[in-house]
């Protein structure tokens, strides 16, 4: 069987981790590298990573995450947060993203016009900037969880949290950024339960 498909079958939403098993730093570095290499729409890389290792902070964060035990039993807790204001042109961040690609001033200005129109078109269709950047963070989250599974490391994505409390705990400036999703990584303490998925016939349509 394809090794990646095997990893996908191994991966599941691990609800409780073995607190005595820690992910080697080298493996965790690979998970972080998979995040760095993840694609993002228009190449603007709006997602940032906050690794929570402080035990007391995890305890407080757990309370704001509907008391989910993953927050304190996991080997690593990762918060994915998204840049908001800085990705809207004109901004120094967008300028830097175009300059680092070696664009001329003419090419840079053209790209910024295209990118600005892209965002405005999204807004016109009801997809605001926050919704758009959060979609990018989920691409990164998927890369990280799949990379972990490939190495035999379990994970769980957590959306169930009280946003206002999490923002306060993590001192998030909500004008500049937002918390998208929290990821937990470690090693399962219980066997994986049976998973249910649509058949490939129900899932895929060809035209």
Protein backbone atom coordinates (compact mmCIF):
# COMPACT_ATOMS: atom_id res chain seq x y z
CA UNK A 1 0.00 0.00 0.00
CA UNK A 2 1.11 3.55 -0.70
CA UNK A 3 2.97 4.77 2.41
CA UNK A 4 1.13 8.07 2.49
CA UNK A 5 -2.27 6.35 2.31
CA UNK A 6 -1.14 4.07 5.16
CA UNK A 7 -0.30 7.18 7.19
CA UNK A 8 -3.72 8.65 6.42
CA UNK A 9 -5.37 5.45 7.68
CA UNK A 10 -3.25 5.64 10.83
CA UNK A 11 -4.23 9.26 11.47
CA UNK A 12 -7.30 9.94 13.58
CA UNK A 13 -8.54 12.58 16.00
CA UNK A 14 -6.67 11.41 19.08
CA UNK A 15 -8.69 12.47 22.13
CA UNK A 16 -6.18 11.49 24.82
CA UNK A 17 -2.42 11.21 24.60
CA UNK A 18 0.14 9.30 26.63
CA UNK A 19 1.56 12.02 28.88
CA UNK A 20 4.74 10.00 29.44
CA UNK A 21 5.73 9.88 25.77
CA UNK A 22 7.32 12.95 24.26
CA UNK A 23 7.92 13.70 20.60
CA UNK A 24 11.67 13.91 19.82
CA UNK A 25 12.60 17.48 18.93
CA UNK A 26 13.96 16.37 15.56
CA UNK A 27 10.56 14.88 14.65
CA UNK A 28 8.73 17.96 15.87
CA UNK A 29 11.08 20.09 13.77
CA UNK A 30 9.97 18.06 10.74
CA UNK A 31 6.33 18.79 11.58
CA UNK A 32 7.14 22.49 11.80
CA UNK A 33 9.03 22.31 8.51
CA UNK A 34 6.00 20.71 6.84
CA UNK A 35 4.04 23.77 7.99
CA UNK A 36 6.63 26.15 6.56
CA UNK A 37 6.52 24.37 3.21
CA UNK A 38 2.72 24.36 2.99
CA UNK A 39 1.09 26.26 0.13
CA UNK A 40 -0.98 29.39 0.64
CA UNK A 41 -3.26 31.26 -1.74
CA UNK A 42 -1.43 34.01 -3.64
CA UNK A 43 1.69 32.95 -1.73
CA UNK A 44 1.13 35.47 1.07
CA UNK A 45 1.79 32.99 3.92
CA UNK A 46 -0.67 34.53 6.42
CA UNK A 47 -0.39 31.82 9.10
CA UNK A 48 1.91 31.95 12.13
CA UNK A 49 2.68 29.25 14.69
CA UNK A 50 2.64 29.55 18.46
CA UNK A 51 3.97 26.51 20.36
CA UNK A 52 2.62 26.23 23.91
CA UNK A 53 4.96 24.35 26.25
CA UNK A 54 4.33 26.12 29.56
CA UNK A 55 2.30 23.69 31.71
CA UNK A 56 0.39 26.37 33.60
CA UNK A 57 -0.53 28.12 30.37
CA UNK A 58 -1.80 24.83 28.98
CA UNK A 59 -3.98 24.32 32.03
CA UNK A 60 -5.57 27.73 31.62
CA UNK A 61 -5.93 27.21 27.88
CA UNK A 62 -7.63 23.87 28.48
CA UNK A 63 -10.37 25.60 30.46
CA UNK A 64 -11.01 27.88 27.48
CA UNK A 65 -11.08 24.85 25.17
CA UNK A 66 -14.13 23.21 26.73
CA UNK A 67 -11.84 21.36 29.15
CA UNK A 68 -10.51 19.06 26.42
CA UNK A 69 -7.83 16.82 27.90
CA UNK A 70 -5.70 16.95 24.75
CA UNK A 71 -4.43 20.36 25.82
CA UNK A 72 -2.65 18.93 28.85
CA UNK A 73 -1.93 15.35 27.77
CA UNK A 74 -0.34 16.15 24.40
CA UNK A 75 3.41 16.28 23.91
CA UNK A 76 3.08 19.44 21.83
CA UNK A 77 0.34 22.07 21.58
CA UNK A 78 0.37 24.33 18.54
CA UNK A 79 -1.80 27.38 17.99
CA UNK A 80 -2.22 28.50 14.40
CA UNK A 81 -2.95 32.20 14.18
CA UNK A 82 -3.48 34.33 11.10
CA UNK A 83 -2.29 37.78 10.14
CA UNK A 84 -5.22 40.11 9.42
CA UNK A 85 -4.44 43.77 8.88
CA UNK A 86 -0.94 43.38 7.43
CA UNK A 87 -2.07 41.28 4.47
CA UNK A 88 -4.35 44.03 3.15
CA UNK A 89 -2.48 46.23 0.66
CA UNK A 90 -0.90 48.69 0.83
CA UNK A 91 1.26 47.36 3.66
CA UNK A 92 4.93 46.82 4.41
CA UNK A 93 4.27 43.09 4.72
CA UNK A 94 2.82 42.79 1.23
CA UNK A 95 5.67 44.91 -0.13
CA UNK A 96 8.22 42.60 1.49
CA UNK A 97 6.49 39.51 0.09
CA UNK A 98 6.79 40.87 -3.44
CA UNK A 99 10.34 42.20 -3.07
CA UNK A 100 11.72 38.91 -1.80
CA UNK A 101 10.58 37.26 -5.01
CA UNK A 102 12.91 39.53 -6.94
CA UNK A 103 10.16 41.46 -8.68
CA UNK A 104 10.84 44.77 -10.35
CA UNK A 105 8.83 47.80 -9.22
CA UNK A 106 6.60 47.40 -12.26
CA UNK A 107 6.03 43.69 -11.59
CA UNK A 108 5.46 44.37 -7.90
CA UNK A 109 2.86 47.07 -8.56
CA UNK A 110 1.06 44.84 -11.05
CA UNK A 111 1.00 41.93 -8.59
CA UNK A 112 -0.31 44.15 -5.78
CA UNK A 113 -3.12 45.41 -8.04
CA UNK A 114 -4.06 41.83 -8.91
CA UNK A 115 -3.87 40.74 -5.29
CA UNK A 116 -5.90 43.74 -4.07
CA UNK A 117 -8.62 43.01 -6.64
CA UNK A 118 -8.57 39.35 -5.59
CA UNK A 119 -9.35 40.32 -1.99
CA UNK A 120 -12.06 42.78 -3.02
CA UNK A 121 -13.71 40.15 -5.20
CA UNK A 122 -13.69 37.76 -2.25
CA UNK A 123 -15.30 40.41 -0.06
CA UNK A 124 -17.96 41.09 -2.70
CA UNK A 125 -18.88 37.40 -2.64
CA UNK A 126 -19.20 37.40 1.14
CA UNK A 127 -15.80 35.91 2.00
CA UNK A 128 -14.08 38.41 4.28
CA UNK A 129 -10.34 38.56 4.82
CA UNK A 130 -10.49 36.61 8.07
CA UNK A 131 -12.40 33.75 6.46
CA UNK A 132 -9.90 33.65 3.63
CA UNK A 133 -6.79 33.55 5.82
CA UNK A 134 -8.34 30.92 8.09
CA UNK A 135 -8.79 28.70 5.03
CA UNK A 136 -5.04 29.02 4.41
CA UNK A 137 -4.26 27.97 7.97
CA UNK A 138 -6.21 24.75 7.48
CA UNK A 139 -3.97 23.81 4.58
CA UNK A 140 -1.04 24.18 6.97
CA UNK A 141 -2.84 22.22 9.68
CA UNK A 142 -3.45 19.36 7.26
CA UNK A 143 0.21 19.30 6.22
CA UNK A 144 1.31 19.14 9.86
CA UNK A 145 -1.09 16.39 10.87
CA UNK A 146 -0.30 14.30 7.80
CA UNK A 147 3.43 14.73 8.34
CA UNK A 148 2.99 13.63 11.94
CA UNK A 149 0.98 10.58 10.90
CA UNK A 150 3.69 9.61 8.41
CA UNK A 151 6.09 9.43 11.37
CA UNK A 152 3.64 7.49 13.57
CA UNK A 153 2.73 10.55 15.64
CA UNK A 154 -0.88 11.22 16.59
CA UNK A 155 -2.71 14.51 16.41
CA UNK A 156 -6.01 16.24 17.00
CA UNK A 157 -7.31 19.51 15.59
CA UNK A 158 -9.33 21.57 18.07
CA UNK A 159 -11.90 24.13 16.96
CA UNK A 160 -13.95 23.92 20.13
CA UNK A 161 -12.67 26.88 22.13
CA UNK A 162 -14.01 30.12 23.55
CA UNK A 163 -12.37 32.64 21.28
CA UNK A 164 -12.52 35.66 23.57
CA UNK A 165 -10.94 33.71 26.42
CA UNK A 166 -8.23 32.24 24.20
CA UNK A 167 -7.42 35.70 22.83
CA UNK A 168 -7.06 37.05 26.36
CA UNK A 169 -4.95 34.13 27.57
CA UNK A 170 -2.58 34.33 24.60
CA UNK A 171 -2.60 38.15 24.51
CA UNK A 172 -3.81 38.23 20.91
CA UNK A 173 -4.19 41.66 19.31
CA UNK A 174 -7.45 40.93 17.45
CA UNK A 175 -6.94 43.92 15.15
CA UNK A 176 -3.72 42.38 13.83
CA UNK A 177 -4.36 38.64 14.04
CA UNK A 178 -6.80 35.86 14.93
CA UNK A 179 -6.57 32.34 16.32
CA UNK A 180 -7.73 29.87 13.68
CA UNK A 181 -7.25 26.36 15.09
CA UNK A 182 -5.32 24.59 17.85
CA UNK A 183 -3.39 21.41 17.07
CA UNK A 184 -2.22 18.82 19.56
CA UNK A 185 0.44 16.20 18.88
CA UNK A 186 1.63 13.16 20.79
CA UNK A 187 1.15 9.42 21.08
CA UNK A 188 -2.14 7.60 21.55
CA UNK A 189 -2.86 5.82 24.81
CA UNK A 190 -5.88 3.94 23.44
CA UNK A 191 -6.38 2.00 20.25
CA UNK A 192 -7.94 3.86 17.38
CA UNK A 193 -11.68 3.37 17.09
CA UNK A 194 -13.29 2.38 13.81
CA UNK A 195 -13.67 5.31 11.45
CA UNK A 196 -16.48 5.81 8.99
CA UNK A 197 -15.92 7.41 5.62
CA UNK A 198 -17.95 7.73 2.45
CA UNK A 199 -17.13 5.20 -0.25
CA UNK A 200 -15.01 6.47 -3.12
CA UNK A 201 -18.07 6.05 -5.36
CA UNK A 202 -20.17 8.34 -3.15
CA UNK A 203 -17.36 10.84 -2.82
CA UNK A 204 -16.10 11.26 -6.39
CA UNK A 205 -17.96 12.39 -9.47
CA UNK A 206 -16.48 12.53 -12.97
CA UNK A 207 -17.73 14.74 -15.80
